[in-house]
Structure formats: C-alpha cells, structure tokens
Amino acid sequence: MRQLTIGALIGRALLALVLVSALVGAVLLARPALDVEHGSPAVTPEAAEGS
C-alpha cells in the first residue's frame, strides 16, 4: 500500500471538511422549507370547495 504524504493527508482532510460542511449547510438552509405547521388547518381555494 502506498504511504500518504502529509500534503495528501491534509488535502483529503480539507476535502472531507468541505463535503461535510456543504451537507450541513444544505440541511440548515432546507429546514424552513421542510417545517410543517400541524396546528393550522389547510386553506383550500374557493374553486376547490365546489361552491
């Protein structure tokens, strides 16, 4: 097996940190869109009510 140099090890660690931070950022930005309010009733347009 090939021995990793210090530079390659640091490069892989930085790449892993970038990927993890991108995933965490995506989840944090998507959280408001994924929140569902359970207490409020669904509002339907008048055309959907059939009146």
N, C-alpha and C. Protein backbone atom coordinates (compact mmCIF):
# COMPACT_ATOMS: atom_id res chain seq x y z
N MET A 1 0.85 -1.19 0.00
CA MET A 1 0.00 0.00 0.00
C MET A 1 0.89 1.24 0.00
N ARG A 2 0.44 2.23 -0.72
CA ARG A 2 1.21 3.47 -0.84
C ARG A 2 1.07 4.33 0.41
N GLN A 3 2.19 4.89 0.84
CA GLN A 3 2.16 5.74 2.03
C GLN A 3 1.72 7.15 1.64
N LEU A 4 0.80 7.72 2.42
CA LEU A 4 0.31 9.07 2.15
C LEU A 4 1.31 10.09 2.68
N THR A 5 1.52 11.12 1.89
CA THR A 5 2.36 12.21 2.37
C THR A 5 1.52 13.14 3.24
N ILE A 6 2.18 14.02 3.95
CA ILE A 6 1.47 14.97 4.81
C ILE A 6 0.55 15.86 3.97
N GLY A 7 1.02 16.29 2.81
CA GLY A 7 0.21 17.14 1.95
C GLY A 7 -1.05 16.45 1.47
N ALA A 8 -0.92 15.18 1.08
CA ALA A 8 -2.08 14.44 0.62
C ALA A 8 -3.07 14.21 1.76
N LEU A 9 -2.55 13.95 2.94
CA LEU A 9 -3.41 13.74 4.10
C LEU A 9 -4.18 15.01 4.45
N ILE A 10 -3.50 16.14 4.44
CA ILE A 10 -4.16 17.42 4.71
C ILE A 10 -5.18 17.74 3.62
N GLY A 11 -4.84 17.45 2.38
CA GLY A 11 -5.78 17.68 1.28
C GLY A 11 -7.04 16.87 1.41
N ARG A 12 -6.89 15.59 1.78
CA ARG A 12 -8.08 14.75 1.95
C ARG A 12 -8.91 15.19 3.15
N ALA A 13 -8.24 15.64 4.21
CA ALA A 13 -8.97 16.12 5.39
C ALA A 13 -9.75 17.38 5.05
N LEU A 14 -9.15 18.28 4.28
CA LEU A 14 -9.86 19.50 3.88
C LEU A 14 -11.03 19.18 2.96
N LEU A 15 -10.85 18.23 2.06
CA LEU A 15 -11.95 17.83 1.17
C LEU A 15 -13.10 17.24 1.98
N ALA A 16 -12.78 16.43 2.96
CA ALA A 16 -13.82 15.85 3.81
C ALA A 16 -14.55 16.94 4.60
N LEU A 17 -13.81 17.92 5.11
CA LEU A 17 -14.45 19.02 5.83
C LEU A 17 -15.37 19.84 4.94
N VAL A 18 -14.94 20.08 3.70
CA VAL A 18 -15.77 20.83 2.76
C VAL A 18 -17.05 20.07 2.45
N LEU A 19 -16.94 18.77 2.23
CA LEU A 19 -18.14 17.98 1.93
C LEU A 19 -19.10 17.93 3.11
N VAL A 20 -18.59 17.76 4.31
CA VAL A 20 -19.45 17.72 5.50
C VAL A 20 -20.11 19.08 5.73
N SER A 21 -19.35 20.15 5.57
CA SER A 21 -19.93 21.48 5.79
C SER A 21 -20.97 21.80 4.72
N ALA A 22 -20.78 21.32 3.49
CA ALA A 22 -21.78 21.54 2.44
C ALA A 22 -23.07 20.79 2.76
N LEU A 23 -22.96 19.57 3.26
CA LEU A 23 -24.16 18.82 3.62
C LEU A 23 -24.89 19.46 4.80
N VAL A 24 -24.15 19.90 5.79
CA VAL A 24 -24.77 20.56 6.95
C VAL A 24 -25.43 21.87 6.52
N GLY A 25 -24.76 22.63 5.67
CA GLY A 25 -25.34 23.88 5.18
C GLY A 25 -26.61 23.65 4.39
N ALA A 26 -26.62 22.62 3.56
CA ALA A 26 -27.82 22.31 2.78
C ALA A 26 -28.99 21.94 3.68
N VAL A 27 -28.71 21.18 4.72
CA VAL A 27 -29.78 20.79 5.64
C VAL A 27 -30.28 22.01 6.41
N LEU A 28 -29.38 22.88 6.84
CA LEU A 28 -29.80 24.07 7.59
C LEU A 28 -30.61 25.02 6.71
N LEU A 29 -30.24 25.14 5.43
CA LEU A 29 -31.00 26.02 4.54
C LEU A 29 -32.35 25.41 4.17
N ALA A 30 -32.44 24.09 4.15
CA ALA A 30 -33.69 23.44 3.75
C ALA A 30 -34.66 23.27 4.91
N ARG A 31 -34.20 23.44 6.14
CA ARG A 31 -35.08 23.22 7.29
C ARG A 31 -36.34 24.08 7.29
N PRO A 32 -36.27 25.38 7.00
CA PRO A 32 -37.52 26.16 7.00
C PRO A 32 -38.52 25.66 5.95
N ALA A 33 -38.04 25.18 4.83
CA ALA A 33 -38.95 24.68 3.80
C ALA A 33 -39.55 23.34 4.18
N LEU A 34 -38.88 22.59 5.04
CA LEU A 34 -39.37 21.28 5.43
C LEU A 34 -40.27 21.33 6.66
N ASP A 35 -40.30 22.47 7.36
CA ASP A 35 -41.15 22.58 8.54
C ASP A 35 -42.61 22.58 8.14
N VAL A 36 -43.40 21.77 8.84
CA VAL A 36 -44.83 21.68 8.58
C VAL A 36 -45.55 22.12 9.85
N GLU A 37 -46.46 23.06 9.70
CA GLU A 37 -47.25 23.51 10.85
C GLU A 37 -48.42 22.56 11.03
N HIS A 38 -48.45 21.89 12.17
CA HIS A 38 -49.51 20.91 12.40
C HIS A 38 -50.76 21.53 13.01
N GLY A 39 -50.65 22.72 13.58
CA GLY A 39 -51.78 23.31 14.28
C GLY A 39 -52.76 24.04 13.39
N SER A 40 -52.32 24.52 12.23
CA SER A 40 -53.22 25.31 11.39
C SER A 40 -53.93 24.42 10.38
N PRO A 41 -55.22 24.64 10.16
CA PRO A 41 -55.95 23.85 9.17
C PRO A 41 -55.52 24.24 7.76
N ALA A 42 -55.67 23.32 6.85
CA ALA A 42 -55.30 23.56 5.46
C ALA A 42 -56.29 24.55 4.84
N VAL A 43 -55.80 25.54 4.15
CA VAL A 43 -56.64 26.53 3.49
C VAL A 43 -56.82 26.09 2.04
N THR A 44 -58.09 25.91 1.64
CA THR A 44 -58.35 25.50 0.27
C THR A 44 -58.92 26.67 -0.51
N PRO A 45 -58.56 26.79 -1.77
CA PRO A 45 -59.14 27.86 -2.58
C PRO A 45 -60.62 27.64 -2.79
N GLU A 46 -61.35 28.72 -3.10
CA GLU A 46 -62.80 28.62 -3.28
C GLU A 46 -63.16 27.68 -4.42
N ALA A 47 -62.36 27.62 -5.47
CA ALA A 47 -62.67 26.75 -6.60
C ALA A 47 -62.58 25.27 -6.20
N ALA A 48 -61.76 24.96 -5.24
CA ALA A 48 -61.61 23.57 -4.82
C ALA A 48 -62.75 23.12 -3.93
N GLU A 49 -63.49 24.06 -3.36
CA GLU A 49 -64.58 23.71 -2.45
C GLU A 49 -65.84 23.33 -3.21
N GLY A 50 -65.93 23.64 -4.47
CA GLY A 50 -67.09 23.28 -5.27
C GLY A 50 -68.27 24.23 -5.13
N SER A 51 -68.07 25.40 -4.57
CA SER A 51 -69.18 26.35 -4.42
C SER A 51 -69.17 27.40 -5.50
